[in-house]
Every structure is written in structure tokens, then in C-alpha cells.
Amino acid sequence: VGCGPNGRISALARCSIVNYNGDIIFDSYVKPSLPVTDYRTKWSGVKHKHLDGAMLFNDARKKIRKLLLNKYIVGHDLKNDFQAIQIKPHPLLVRDTSICLALRHLAGLPVNKNHR
């Protein structure tokens, strides 16, 4: 979602984490610290009603950090997710399909990075 003037500040509004087997270990709407000015519903799926009573950002961040501590994190273009959650995991624990050619191949994504 977007906060601030014209929704230009990206903020976390939902976080879902699955384990190696695809089991959901965390899935929650998250109320950003700043007032939301653009829900970006077309892309995020998030609506105003989803954030009513949602977990506060700082509480969600603590829980997410604890869940991810010393774990391998696999995903696509994770820098945006890490920025939204405000965490910096150790680079050796991050496997990003947007830059790792072997993972791109395994995921069936184009190996040529120009196709991002």
C-alpha cells in the first residue's frame, strides 16, 4: 500500500510466509505506521476493511524477524519485501529468484535477466 502524499511511500500491509513444504507459518494483514493514502488494491488486494484491527507494524515486524532469524529465505525480488519489513537478513541466507540463475531455471523463469 502507499502512504504519504499521493501514496508514494510504500508500506507493508500484508505478510505471508510459508516453510519449505509450503505450509503457512505466518499470514497477517499489517497496519502501517503511517496513514494509508493509496491501497493499491488492484495489485495488493488490500482494502481499507482488511486493516481494521490488523496487527500493528512493529508487532508484525518483531514476529517476522523472529520467524526468519537464521533461516534461508527464498523468494522473488526480495529487496522490496525486506525494505517494506525494514529488515536486513544476512546475504548468505537469501536466495532471490530475480538474480539467482539456478533458481530462475528451477522456477521455470527466463534465465536471461532482461526478461525480469
PDB file of N, CA and C in Angstrom:
ATOM      1  N   VAL A   1       0.844  -1.174   0.000  1.00  0.00           N
ATOM      2  CA  VAL A   1       0.000   0.000   0.000  1.00  0.00           C
ATOM      3  C   VAL A   1       0.891   1.239   0.000  1.00  0.00           C
ATOM      4  N   GLY A   2       0.281   2.388  -0.272  1.00  0.00           N
ATOM      5  CA  GLY A   2       1.033   3.627  -0.288  1.00  0.00           C
ATOM      6  C   GLY A   2       0.616   4.554   0.830  1.00  0.00           C
ATOM      7  N   CYS A   3       1.594   5.219   1.403  1.00  0.00           N
ATOM      8  CA  CYS A   3       1.345   6.186   2.468  1.00  0.00           C
ATOM      9  C   CYS A   3       1.925   7.530   2.023  1.00  0.00           C
ATOM     10  N   GLY A   4       1.571   8.579   2.766  1.00  0.00           N
ATOM     11  CA  GLY A   4       2.106   9.893   2.453  1.00  0.00           C
ATOM     12  C   GLY A   4       1.448  10.513   1.240  1.00  0.00           C
ATOM     13  N   PRO A   5       1.981  11.670   0.805  1.00  0.00           N
ATOM     14  CA  PRO A   5       1.407  12.366  -0.339  1.00  0.00           C
ATOM     15  C   PRO A   5       1.348  11.482  -1.586  1.00  0.00           C
ATOM     16  N   ASN A   6       0.164  11.371  -2.160  1.00  0.00           N
ATOM     17  CA  ASN A   6      -0.059  10.566  -3.365  1.00  0.00           C
ATOM     18  C   ASN A   6       0.342   9.098  -3.203  1.00  0.00           C
ATOM     19  N   GLY A   7       0.443   8.605  -1.985  1.00  0.00           N
ATOM     20  CA  GLY A   7       0.760   7.201  -1.747  1.00  0.00           C
ATOM     21  C   GLY A   7       2.142   6.793  -2.204  1.00  0.00           C
ATOM     22  N   ARG A   8       3.081   7.718  -2.180  1.00  0.00           N
ATOM     23  CA  ARG A   8       4.421   7.448  -2.723  1.00  0.00           C
ATOM     24  C   ARG A   8       5.338   6.659  -1.797  1.00  0.00           C
ATOM     25  N   ILE A   9       4.971   6.562  -0.525  1.00  0.00           N
ATOM     26  CA  ILE A   9       5.800   5.804   0.416  1.00  0.00           C
ATOM     27  C   ILE A   9       5.204   4.403   0.535  1.00  0.00           C
ATOM     28  N   SER A  10       5.923   3.404   0.040  1.00  0.00           N
ATOM     29  CA  SER A  10       5.431   2.027   0.100  1.00  0.00           C
ATOM     30  C   SER A  10       5.503   1.508   1.530  1.00  0.00           C
ATOM     31  N   ALA A  11       4.458   0.778   1.918  1.00  0.00           N
ATOM     32  CA  ALA A  11       4.399   0.235   3.276  1.00  0.00           C
ATOM     33  C   ALA A  11       3.835  -1.179   3.241  1.00  0.00           C
ATOM     34  N   LEU A  12       4.233  -1.961   4.207  1.00  0.00           N
ATOM     35  CA  LEU A  12       3.749  -3.331   4.350  1.00  0.00           C
ATOM     36  C   LEU A  12       2.308  -3.320   4.842  1.00  0.00           C
ATOM     37  N   ALA A  13       1.438  -4.081   4.162  1.00  0.00           N
ATOM     38  CA  ALA A  13       0.043  -4.193   4.597  1.00  0.00           C
ATOM     39  C   ALA A  13      -0.368  -5.652   4.764  1.00  0.00           C
ATOM     40  N   ARG A  14       0.430  -6.571   4.242  1.00  0.00           N
ATOM     41  CA  ARG A  14       0.170  -7.995   4.441  1.00  0.00           C
ATOM     42  C   ARG A  14       1.482  -8.746   4.284  1.00  0.00           C
ATOM     43  N   CYS A  15       1.650  -9.742   5.115  1.00  0.00           N
ATOM     44  CA  CYS A  15       2.836 -10.584   5.018  1.00  0.00           C
ATOM     45  C   CYS A  15       2.406 -12.037   5.134  1.00  0.00           C
ATOM     46  N   SER A  16       2.881 -12.842   4.202  1.00  0.00           N
ATOM     47  CA  SER A  16       2.629 -14.286   4.220  1.00  0.00           C
ATOM     48  C   SER A  16       3.972 -14.992   4.112  1.00  0.00           C
ATOM     49  N   ILE A  17       4.186 -15.956   4.987  1.00  0.00           N
ATOM     50  CA  ILE A  17       5.432 -16.729   4.990  1.00  0.00           C
ATOM     51  C   ILE A  17       5.065 -18.199   5.020  1.00  0.00           C
ATOM     52  N   VAL A  18       5.703 -18.969   4.139  1.00  0.00           N
ATOM     53  CA  VAL A  18       5.499 -20.414   4.124  1.00  0.00           C
ATOM     54  C   VAL A  18       6.830 -21.098   4.391  1.00  0.00           C
ATOM     55  N   ASN A  19       6.770 -22.334   4.885  1.00  0.00           N
ATOM     56  CA  ASN A  19       8.000 -23.086   5.117  1.00  0.00           C
ATOM     57  C   ASN A  19       8.369 -23.874   3.861  1.00  0.00           C
ATOM     58  N   TYR A  20       9.387 -24.692   3.964  1.00  0.00           N
ATOM     59  CA  TYR A  20       9.895 -25.476   2.837  1.00  0.00           C
ATOM     60  C   TYR A  20       8.805 -26.325   2.185  1.00  0.00           C
ATOM     61  N   ASN A  21       7.887 -26.826   2.996  1.00  0.00           N
ATOM     62  CA  ASN A  21       6.817 -27.699   2.499  1.00  0.00           C
ATOM     63  C   ASN A  21       5.605 -26.931   1.983  1.00  0.00           C
ATOM     64  N   GLY A  22       5.647 -25.612   2.056  1.00  0.00           N
ATOM     65  CA  GLY A  22       4.532 -24.798   1.603  1.00  0.00           C
ATOM     66  C   GLY A  22       3.462 -24.583   2.655  1.00  0.00           C
ATOM     67  N   ASP A  23       3.731 -25.017   3.888  1.00  0.00           N
ATOM     68  CA  ASP A  23       2.781 -24.793   4.979  1.00  0.00           C
ATOM     69  C   ASP A  23       2.861 -23.333   5.426  1.00  0.00           C
ATOM     70  N   ILE A  24       1.719 -22.714   5.649  1.00  0.00           N
ATOM     71  CA  ILE A  24       1.689 -21.315   6.083  1.00  0.00           C
ATOM     72  C   ILE A  24       2.130 -21.232   7.539  1.00  0.00           C
ATOM     73  N   ILE A  25       3.182 -20.438   7.793  1.00  0.00           N
ATOM     74  CA  ILE A  25       3.640 -20.252   9.172  1.00  0.00           C
ATOM     75  C   ILE A  25       3.329 -18.835   9.667  1.00  0.00           C
ATOM     76  N   PHE A  26       2.998 -17.940   8.749  1.00  0.00           N
ATOM     77  CA  PHE A  26       2.581 -16.593   9.126  1.00  0.00           C
ATOM     78  C   PHE A  26       1.782 -16.010   7.980  1.00  0.00           C
ATOM     79  N   ASP A  27       0.640 -15.444   8.295  1.00  0.00           N
ATOM     80  CA  ASP A  27      -0.181 -14.769   7.286  1.00  0.00           C
ATOM     81  C   ASP A  27      -1.045 -13.757   8.014  1.00  0.00           C
ATOM     82  N   SER A  28      -0.744 -12.491   7.817  1.00  0.00           N
ATOM     83  CA  SER A  28      -1.469 -11.462   8.560  1.00  0.00           C
ATOM     84  C   SER A  28      -1.494 -10.153   7.783  1.00  0.00           C
ATOM     85  N   TYR A  29      -2.624  -9.459   7.909  1.00  0.00           N
ATOM     86  CA  TYR A  29      -2.661  -8.071   7.465  1.00  0.00           C
ATOM     87  C   TYR A  29      -1.905  -7.270   8.498  1.00  0.00           C
ATOM     88  N   VAL A  30      -1.273  -6.199   8.038  1.00  0.00           N
ATOM     89  CA  VAL A  30      -0.430  -5.377   8.903  1.00  0.00           C
ATOM     90  C   VAL A  30      -0.826  -3.914   8.738  1.00  0.00           C
ATOM     91  N   LYS A  31      -1.087  -3.259   9.850  1.00  0.00           N
ATOM     92  CA  LYS A  31      -1.455  -1.842   9.815  1.00  0.00           C
ATOM     93  C   LYS A  31      -0.173  -1.013   9.769  1.00  0.00           C
ATOM     94  N   PRO A  32       0.060  -0.303   8.662  1.00  0.00           N
ATOM     95  CA  PRO A  32       1.270   0.517   8.556  1.00  0.00           C
ATOM     96  C   PRO A  32       1.335   1.586   9.643  1.00  0.00           C
ATOM     97  N   SER A  33       2.542   2.042   9.931  1.00  0.00           N
ATOM     98  CA  SER A  33       2.750   3.084  10.936  1.00  0.00           C
ATOM     99  C   SER A  33       2.185   4.428  10.481  1.00  0.00           C
ATOM    100  N   LEU A  34       2.224   4.678   9.182  1.00  0.00           N
ATOM    101  CA  LEU A  34       1.702   5.920   8.609  1.00  0.00           C
ATOM    102  C   LEU A  34       0.300   5.691   8.057  1.00  0.00           C
ATOM    103  N   PRO A  35      -0.520   6.741   7.983  1.00  0.00           N
ATOM    104  CA  PRO A  35      -1.856   6.585   7.393  1.00  0.00           C
ATOM    105  C   PRO A  35      -1.756   6.180   5.915  1.00  0.00           C
ATOM    106  N   VAL A  36      -2.591   5.233   5.510  1.00  0.00           N
ATOM    107  CA  VAL A  36      -2.606   4.766   4.120  1.00  0.00           C
ATOM    108  C   VAL A  36      -3.367   5.775   3.264  1.00  0.00           C
ATOM    109  N   THR A  37      -2.748   6.196   2.168  1.00  0.00           N
ATOM    110  CA  THR A  37      -3.396   7.132   1.252  1.00  0.00           C
ATOM    111  C   THR A  37      -3.715   6.492  -0.092  1.00  0.00           C
ATOM    112  N   ASP A  38      -3.162   5.305  -0.353  1.00  0.00           N
ATOM    113  CA  ASP A  38      -3.454   4.570  -1.591  1.00  0.00           C
ATOM    114  C   ASP A  38      -3.336   3.078  -1.281  1.00  0.00           C
ATOM    115  N   TYR A  39      -4.453   2.380  -1.357  1.00  0.00           N
ATOM    116  CA  TYR A  39      -4.445   0.957  -1.017  1.00  0.00           C
ATOM    117  C   TYR A  39      -3.868   0.088  -2.131  1.00  0.00           C
ATOM    118  N   ARG A  40      -3.734   0.623  -3.328  1.00  0.00           N
ATOM    119  CA  ARG A  40      -3.181  -0.131  -4.467  1.00  0.00           C
ATOM    120  C   ARG A  40      -3.883  -1.482  -4.600  1.00  0.00           C
ATOM    121  N   THR A  41      -5.188  -1.481  -4.368  1.00  0.00           N
ATOM    122  CA  THR A  41      -5.970  -2.717  -4.308  1.00  0.00           C
ATOM    123  C   THR A  41      -5.828  -3.554  -5.571  1.00  0.00           C
ATOM    124  N   LYS A  42      -5.721  -2.916  -6.713  1.00  0.00           N
ATOM    125  CA  LYS A  42      -5.580  -3.647  -7.986  1.00  0.00           C
ATOM    126  C   LYS A  42      -4.384  -4.597  -7.947  1.00  0.00           C
ATOM    127  N   TRP A  43      -3.320  -4.183  -7.266  1.00  0.00           N
ATOM    128  CA  TRP A  43      -2.109  -5.001  -7.191  1.00  0.00           C
ATOM    129  C   TRP A  43      -1.976  -5.720  -5.855  1.00  0.00           C
ATOM    130  N   SER A  44      -2.366  -5.044  -4.782  1.00  0.00           N
ATOM    131  CA  SER A  44      -2.147  -5.616  -3.455  1.00  0.00           C
ATOM    132  C   SER A  44      -3.287  -6.508  -2.984  1.00  0.00           C
ATOM    133  N   GLY A  45      -4.481  -6.240  -3.476  1.00  0.00           N
ATOM    134  CA  GLY A  45      -5.655  -6.956  -2.985  1.00  0.00           C
ATOM    135  C   GLY A  45      -6.131  -6.439  -1.636  1.00  0.00           C
ATOM    136  N   VAL A  46      -5.421  -5.466  -1.083  1.00  0.00           N
ATOM    137  CA  VAL A  46      -5.727  -4.937   0.233  1.00  0.00           C
ATOM    138  C   VAL A  46      -6.768  -3.824   0.123  1.00  0.00           C
ATOM    139  N   LYS A  47      -7.759  -3.898   1.005  1.00  0.00           N
ATOM    140  CA  LYS A  47      -8.794  -2.869   1.096  1.00  0.00           C
ATOM    141  C   LYS A  47      -8.789  -2.299   2.514  1.00  0.00           C
ATOM    142  N   HIS A  48      -9.413  -1.146   2.661  1.00  0.00           N
ATOM    143  CA  HIS A  48      -9.484  -0.476   3.970  1.00  0.00           C
ATOM    144  C   HIS A  48      -9.956  -1.431   5.059  1.00  0.00           C
ATOM    145  N   LYS A  49     -10.980  -2.223   4.764  1.00  0.00           N
ATOM    146  CA  LYS A  49     -11.557  -3.130   5.770  1.00  0.00           C
ATOM    147  C   LYS A  49     -10.549  -4.156   6.279  1.00  0.00           C
ATOM    148  N   HIS A  50      -9.563  -4.524   5.456  1.00  0.00           N
ATOM    149  CA  HIS A  50      -8.564  -5.517   5.866  1.00  0.00           C
ATOM    150  C   HIS A  50      -7.654  -4.992   6.970  1.00  0.00           C
ATOM    151  N   LEU A  51      -7.483  -3.686   7.036  1.00  0.00           N
ATOM    152  CA  LEU A  51      -6.550  -3.119   8.014  1.00  0.00           C
ATOM    153  C   LEU A  51      -7.228  -2.736   9.319  1.00  0.00           C
ATOM    154  N   ASP A  52      -8.562  -2.784   9.349  1.00  0.00           N
ATOM    155  CA  ASP A  52      -9.275  -2.557  10.610  1.00  0.00           C
ATOM    156  C   ASP A  52      -8.944  -3.704  11.561  1.00  0.00           C
ATOM    157  N   GLY A  53      -8.323  -3.407  12.673  1.00  0.00           N
ATOM    158  CA  GLY A  53      -7.960  -4.431  13.643  1.00  0.00           C
ATOM    159  C   GLY A  53      -6.750  -5.267  13.247  1.00  0.00           C
ATOM    160  N   ALA A  54      -6.048  -4.851  12.191  1.00  0.00           N
ATOM    161  CA  ALA A  54      -4.864  -5.602  11.743  1.00  0.00           C
ATOM    162  C   ALA A  54      -3.728  -5.463  12.754  1.00  0.00           C
ATOM    163  N   MET A  55      -2.791  -6.397  12.699  1.00  0.00           N
ATOM    164  CA  MET A  55      -1.612  -6.372  13.555  1.00  0.00           C
ATOM    165  C   MET A  55      -0.826  -5.083  13.296  1.00  0.00           C
ATOM    166  N   LEU A  56      -0.372  -4.444  14.335  1.00  0.00           N
ATOM    167  CA  LEU A  56       0.429  -3.232  14.190  1.00  0.00           C
ATOM    168  C   LEU A  56       1.781  -3.566  13.559  1.00  0.00           C
ATOM    169  N   PHE A  57       2.302  -2.630  12.773  1.00  0.00           N
ATOM    170  CA  PHE A  57       3.545  -2.864  12.040  1.00  0.00           C
ATOM    171  C   PHE A  57       4.677  -3.335  12.945  1.00  0.00           C
ATOM    172  N   ASN A  58       4.909  -2.631  14.055  1.00  0.00           N
ATOM    173  CA  ASN A  58       6.040  -3.004  14.929  1.00  0.00           C
ATOM    174  C   ASN A  58       5.880  -4.399  15.508  1.00  0.00           C
ATOM    175  N   ASP A  59       4.651  -4.798  15.832  1.00  0.00           N
ATOM    176  CA  ASP A  59       4.401  -6.149  16.341  1.00  0.00           C
ATOM    177  C   ASP A  59       4.654  -7.189  15.252  1.00  0.00           C
ATOM    178  N   ALA A  60       4.168  -6.891  14.048  1.00  0.00           N
ATOM    179  CA  ALA A  60       4.374  -7.815  12.919  1.00  0.00           C
ATOM    180  C   ALA A  60       5.858  -7.946  12.603  1.00  0.00           C
ATOM    181  N   ARG A  61       6.559  -6.833  12.590  1.00  0.00           N
ATOM    182  CA  ARG A  61       7.993  -6.838  12.286  1.00  0.00           C
ATOM    183  C   ARG A  61       8.758  -7.710  13.277  1.00  0.00           C
ATOM    184  N   LYS A  62       8.457  -7.583  14.549  1.00  0.00           N
ATOM    185  CA  LYS A  62       9.129  -8.402  15.568  1.00  0.00           C
ATOM    186  C   LYS A  62       8.874  -9.889  15.331  1.00  0.00           C
ATOM    187  N   LYS A  63       7.627 -10.223  15.046  1.00  0.00           N
ATOM    188  CA  LYS A  63       7.267 -11.622  14.825  1.00  0.00           C
ATOM    189  C   LYS A  63       7.941 -12.175  13.566  1.00  0.00           C
ATOM    190  N   ILE A  64       7.944 -11.379  12.502  1.00  0.00           N
ATOM    191  CA  ILE A  64       8.555 -11.791  11.234  1.00  0.00           C
ATOM    192  C   ILE A  64      10.060 -11.974  11.410  1.00  0.00           C
ATOM    193  N   ARG A  65      10.701 -11.021  12.078  1.00  0.00           N
ATOM    194  CA  ARG A  65      12.154 -11.127  12.328  1.00  0.00           C
ATOM    195  C   ARG A  65      12.473 -12.414  13.083  1.00  0.00           C
ATOM    196  N   LYS A  66      11.672 -12.724  14.102  1.00  0.00           N
ATOM    197  CA  LYS A  66      11.904 -13.933  14.896  1.00  0.00           C
ATOM    198  C   LYS A  66      11.733 -15.187  14.030  1.00  0.00           C
ATOM    199  N   LEU A  67      10.708 -15.203  13.184  1.00  0.00           N
ATOM    200  CA  LEU A  67      10.466 -16.358  12.323  1.00  0.00           C
ATOM    201  C   LEU A  67      11.587 -16.569  11.302  1.00  0.00           C
ATOM    202  N   LEU A  68      12.152 -15.468  10.808  1.00  0.00           N
ATOM    203  CA  LEU A  68      13.166 -15.561   9.749  1.00  0.00           C
ATOM    204  C   LEU A  68      14.602 -15.649  10.264  1.00  0.00           C
ATOM    205  N   LEU A  69      14.801 -15.453  11.559  1.00  0.00           N
ATOM    206  CA  LEU A  69      16.140 -15.449  12.123  1.00  0.00           C
ATOM    207  C   LEU A  69      16.880 -16.752  11.809  1.00  0.00           C
ATOM    208  N   ASN A  70      18.042 -16.608  11.174  1.00  0.00           N
ATOM    209  CA  ASN A  70      18.918 -17.737  10.824  1.00  0.00           C
ATOM    210  C   ASN A  70      18.249 -18.761   9.904  1.00  0.00           C
ATOM    211  N   LYS A  71      17.261 -18.328   9.143  1.00  0.00           N
ATOM    212  CA  LYS A  71      16.582 -19.207   8.181  1.00  0.00           C
ATOM    213  C   LYS A  71      16.955 -18.785   6.767  1.00  0.00           C
ATOM    214  N   TYR A  72      16.984 -19.749   5.848  1.00  0.00           N
ATOM    215  CA  TYR A  72      17.133 -19.413   4.439  1.00  0.00           C
ATOM    216  C   TYR A  72      15.826 -18.797   3.969  1.00  0.00           C
ATOM    217  N   ILE A  73      15.934 -17.720   3.205  1.00  0.00           N
ATOM    218  CA  ILE A  73      14.762 -17.018   2.703  1.00  0.00           C
ATOM    219  C   ILE A  73      14.801 -17.082   1.184  1.00  0.00           C
ATOM    220  N   VAL A  74      13.769 -17.679   0.588  1.00  0.00           N
ATOM    221  CA  VAL A  74      13.687 -17.840  -0.853  1.00  0.00           C
ATOM    222  C   VAL A  74      12.473 -17.074  -1.355  1.00  0.00           C
ATOM    223  N   GLY A  75      12.665 -16.277  -2.391  1.00  0.00           N
ATOM    224  CA  GLY A  75      11.561 -15.525  -2.959  1.00  0.00           C
ATOM    225  C   GLY A  75      12.012 -14.749  -4.173  1.00  0.00           C
ATOM    226  N   HIS A  76      11.108 -13.940  -4.712  1.00  0.00           N
ATOM    227  CA  HIS A  76      11.404 -13.190  -5.929  1.00  0.00           C
ATOM    228  C   HIS A  76      11.494 -11.701  -5.630  1.00  0.00           C
ATOM    229  N   ASP A  77      12.606 -11.109  -6.015  1.00  0.00           N
ATOM    230  CA  ASP A  77      12.855  -9.676  -5.855  1.00  0.00           C
ATOM    231  C   ASP A  77      12.650  -9.258  -4.397  1.00  0.00           C
ATOM    232  N   LEU A  78      13.318  -9.955  -3.519  1.00  0.00           N
ATOM    233  CA  LEU A  78      13.122  -9.811  -2.072  1.00  0.00           C
ATOM    234  C   LEU A  78      13.540  -8.462  -1.498  1.00  0.00           C
ATOM    235  N   LYS A  79      14.356  -7.706  -2.227  1.00  0.00           N
ATOM    236  CA  LYS A  79      14.819  -6.420  -1.679  1.00  0.00           C
ATOM    237  C   LYS A  79      13.641  -5.516  -1.346  1.00  0.00           C
ATOM    238  N   ASN A  80      12.580  -5.564  -2.137  1.00  0.00           N
ATOM    239  CA  ASN A  80      11.400  -4.739  -1.863  1.00  0.00           C
ATOM    240  C   ASN A  80      10.685  -5.210  -0.600  1.00  0.00           C
ATOM    241  N   ASP A  81      10.606  -6.523  -0.424  1.00  0.00           N
ATOM    242  CA  ASP A  81       9.972  -7.072   0.772  1.00  0.00           C
ATOM    243  C   ASP A  81      10.783  -6.716   2.022  1.00  0.00           C
ATOM    244  N   PHE A  82      12.095  -6.878   1.936  1.00  0.00           N
ATOM    245  CA  PHE A  82      12.948  -6.559   3.083  1.00  0.00           C
ATOM    246  C   PHE A  82      12.858  -5.069   3.431  1.00  0.00           C
ATOM    247  N   GLN A  83      12.763  -4.240   2.402  1.00  0.00           N
ATOM    248  CA  GLN A  83      12.639  -2.801   2.635  1.00  0.00           C
ATOM    249  C   GLN A  83      11.315  -2.489   3.333  1.00  0.00           C
ATOM    250  N   ALA A  84      10.228  -3.126   2.894  1.00  0.00           N
ATOM    251  CA  ALA A  84       8.915  -2.884   3.495  1.00  0.00           C
ATOM    252  C   ALA A  84       8.871  -3.362   4.953  1.00  0.00           C
ATOM    253  N   ILE A  85       9.542  -4.479   5.237  1.00  0.00           N
ATOM    254  CA  ILE A  85       9.554  -5.035   6.597  1.00  0.00           C
ATOM    255  C   ILE A  85      10.639  -4.378   7.446  1.00  0.00           C
ATOM    256  N   GLN A  86      11.546  -3.671   6.785  1.00  0.00           N
ATOM    257  CA  GLN A  86      12.667  -2.996   7.443  1.00  0.00           C
ATOM    258  C   GLN A  86      13.579  -3.992   8.144  1.00  0.00           C
ATOM    259  N   ILE A  87      13.988  -5.021   7.391  1.00  0.00           N
ATOM    260  CA  ILE A  87      14.962  -5.983   7.911  1.00  0.00           C
ATOM    261  C   ILE A  87      16.085  -6.151   6.901  1.00  0.00           C
ATOM    262  N   LYS A  88      17.239  -6.600   7.379  1.00  0.00           N
ATOM    263  CA  LYS A  88      18.390  -6.878   6.531  1.00  0.00           C
ATOM    264  C   LYS A  88      18.949  -8.240   6.909  1.00  0.00           C
ATOM    265  N   PRO A  89      18.401  -9.314   6.325  1.00  0.00           N
ATOM    266  CA  PRO A  89      18.946 -10.634   6.652  1.00  0.00           C
ATOM    267  C   PRO A  89      20.355 -10.802   6.073  1.00  0.00           C
ATOM    268  N   HIS A  90      21.094 -11.724   6.636  1.00  0.00           N
ATOM    269  CA  HIS A  90      22.449 -11.981   6.144  1.00  0.00           C
ATOM    270  C   HIS A  90      22.358 -12.423   4.683  1.00  0.00           C
ATOM    271  N   PRO A  91      23.153 -11.825   3.793  1.00  0.00           N
ATOM    272  CA  PRO A  91      23.082 -12.152   2.360  1.00  0.00           C
ATOM    273  C   PRO A  91      23.274 -13.635   2.036  1.00  0.00           C
ATOM    274  N   LEU A  92      24.032 -14.357   2.870  1.00  0.00           N
ATOM    275  CA  LEU A  92      24.242 -15.778   2.604  1.00  0.00           C
ATOM    276  C   LEU A  92      22.988 -16.614   2.870  1.00  0.00           C
ATOM    277  N   LEU A  93      21.996 -16.024   3.528  1.00  0.00           N
ATOM    278  CA  LEU A  93      20.753 -16.739   3.823  1.00  0.00           C
ATOM    279  C   LEU A  93      19.630 -16.390   2.840  1.00  0.00           C
ATOM    280  N   VAL A  94      19.930 -15.540   1.859  1.00  0.00           N
ATOM    281  CA  VAL A  94      18.909 -15.086   0.913  1.00  0.00           C
ATOM    282  C   VAL A  94      19.107 -15.739  -0.445  1.00  0.00           C
ATOM    283  N   ARG A  95      18.026 -16.312  -0.969  1.00  0.00           N
ATOM    284  CA  ARG A  95      18.011 -16.904  -2.307  1.00  0.00           C
ATOM    285  C   ARG A  95      16.924 -16.189  -3.107  1.00  0.00           C
ATOM    286  N   ASP A  96      17.341 -15.294  -3.997  1.00  0.00           N
ATOM    287  CA  ASP A  96      16.401 -14.447  -4.729  1.00  0.00           C
ATOM    288  C   ASP A  96      16.309 -14.905  -6.180  1.00  0.00           C
ATOM    289  N   THR A  97      15.110 -15.338  -6.582  1.00  0.00           N
ATOM    290  CA  THR A  97      14.941 -15.852  -7.950  1.00  0.00           C
ATOM    291  C   THR A  97      15.075 -14.757  -9.004  1.00  0.00           C
ATOM    292  N   SER A  98      15.061 -13.484  -8.595  1.00  0.00           N
ATOM    293  CA  SER A  98      15.234 -12.418  -9.579  1.00  0.00           C
ATOM    294  C   SER A  98      16.694 -12.274  -9.998  1.00  0.00           C
ATOM    295  N   ILE A  99      17.618 -12.829  -9.194  1.00  0.00           N
ATOM    296  CA  ILE A  99      19.042 -12.687  -9.527  1.00  0.00           C
ATOM    297  C   ILE A  99      19.808 -14.008  -9.567  1.00  0.00           C
ATOM    298  N   CYS A 100      19.300 -15.055  -8.964  1.00  0.00           N
ATOM    299  CA  CYS A 100      19.991 -16.346  -8.937  1.00  0.00           C
ATOM    300  C   CYS A 100      19.566 -17.177 -10.149  1.00  0.00           C
ATOM    301  N   LEU A 101      20.467 -17.345 -11.102  1.00  0.00           N
ATOM    302  CA  LEU A 101      20.129 -18.025 -12.349  1.00  0.00           C
ATOM    303  C   LEU A 101      19.681 -19.467 -12.134  1.00  0.00           C
ATOM    304  N   ALA A 102      20.310 -20.175 -11.209  1.00  0.00           N
ATOM    305  CA  ALA A 102      19.934 -21.570 -10.954  1.00  0.00           C
ATOM    306  C   ALA A 102      18.494 -21.650 -10.445  1.00  0.00           C
ATOM    307  N   LEU A 103      18.122 -20.743  -9.534  1.00  0.00           N
ATOM    308  CA  LEU A 103      16.747 -20.731  -9.018  1.00  0.00           C
ATOM    309  C   LEU A 103      15.753 -20.296 -10.081  1.00  0.00           C
ATOM    310  N   ARG A 104      16.165 -19.370 -10.941  1.00  0.00           N
ATOM    311  CA  ARG A 104      15.285 -18.945 -12.036  1.00  0.00           C
ATOM    312  C   ARG A 104      14.975 -20.140 -12.925  1.00  0.00           C
ATOM    313  N   HIS A 105      16.004 -20.934 -13.208  1.00  0.00           N
ATOM    314  CA  HIS A 105      15.823 -22.116 -14.048  1.00  0.00           C
ATOM    315  C   HIS A 105      14.879 -23.116 -13.356  1.00  0.00           C
ATOM    316  N   LEU A 106      15.119 -23.405 -12.081  1.00  0.00           N
ATOM    317  CA  LEU A 106      14.275 -24.341 -11.337  1.00  0.00           C
ATOM    318  C   LEU A 106      12.825 -23.877 -11.248  1.00  0.00           C
ATOM    319  N   ALA A 107      12.625 -22.558 -11.172  1.00  0.00           N
ATOM    320  CA  ALA A 107      11.276 -21.999 -11.058  1.00  0.00           C
ATOM    321  C   ALA A 107      10.594 -21.861 -12.416  1.00  0.00           C
ATOM    322  N   GLY A 108      11.324 -22.181 -13.493  1.00  0.00           N
ATOM    323  CA  GLY A 108      10.749 -22.057 -14.828  1.00  0.00           C
ATOM    324  C   GLY A 108      10.703 -20.622 -15.326  1.00  0.00           C
ATOM    325  N   LEU A 109      11.519 -19.748 -14.717  1.00  0.00           N
ATOM    326  CA  LEU A 109      11.580 -18.349 -15.135  1.00  0.00           C
ATOM    327  C   LEU A 109      12.659 -18.184 -16.202  1.00  0.00           C
ATOM    328  N   PRO A 110      12.541 -17.167 -17.052  1.00  0.00           N
ATOM    329  CA  PRO A 110      13.591 -16.941 -18.049  1.00  0.00           C
ATOM    330  C   PRO A 110      14.944 -16.749 -17.367  1.00  0.00           C
ATOM    331  N   VAL A 111      15.972 -17.381 -17.911  1.00  0.00           N
ATOM    332  CA  VAL A 111      17.307 -17.277 -17.317  1.00  0.00           C
ATOM    333  C   VAL A 111      17.964 -15.959 -17.727  1.00  0.00           C
ATOM    334  N   ASN A 112      17.537 -15.383 -18.848  1.00  0.00           N
ATOM    335  CA  ASN A 112      18.036 -14.093 -19.289  1.00  0.00           C
ATOM    336  C   ASN A 112      17.433 -13.026 -18.388  1.00  0.00           C
ATOM    337  N   LYS A 113      18.271 -12.327 -17.608  1.00  0.00           N
ATOM    338  CA  LYS A 113      17.781 -11.341 -16.637  1.00  0.00           C
ATOM    339  C   LYS A 113      17.040 -10.185 -17.290  1.00  0.00           C
ATOM    340  N   ASN A 114      17.164 -10.007 -18.598  1.00  0.00           N
ATOM    341  CA  ASN A 114      16.445  -8.921 -19.277  1.00  0.00           C
ATOM    342  C   ASN A 114      14.940  -9.189 -19.318  1.00  0.00           C
ATOM    343  N   HIS A 115      14.503 -10.401 -18.988  1.00  0.00           N
ATOM    344  CA  HIS A 115      13.097 -10.767 -19.005  1.00  0.00           C
ATOM    345  C   HIS A 115      12.444 -10.623 -17.637  1.00  0.00           C
ATOM    346  N   ARG A 116      13.048  -9.899 -16.723  1.00  0.00           N
ATOM    347  CA  ARG A 116      12.517  -9.741 -15.358  1.00  0.00           C
ATOM    348  C   ARG A 116      11.164  -9.213 -15.366  1.00  0.00           C
TER     349      ARG A 116
END
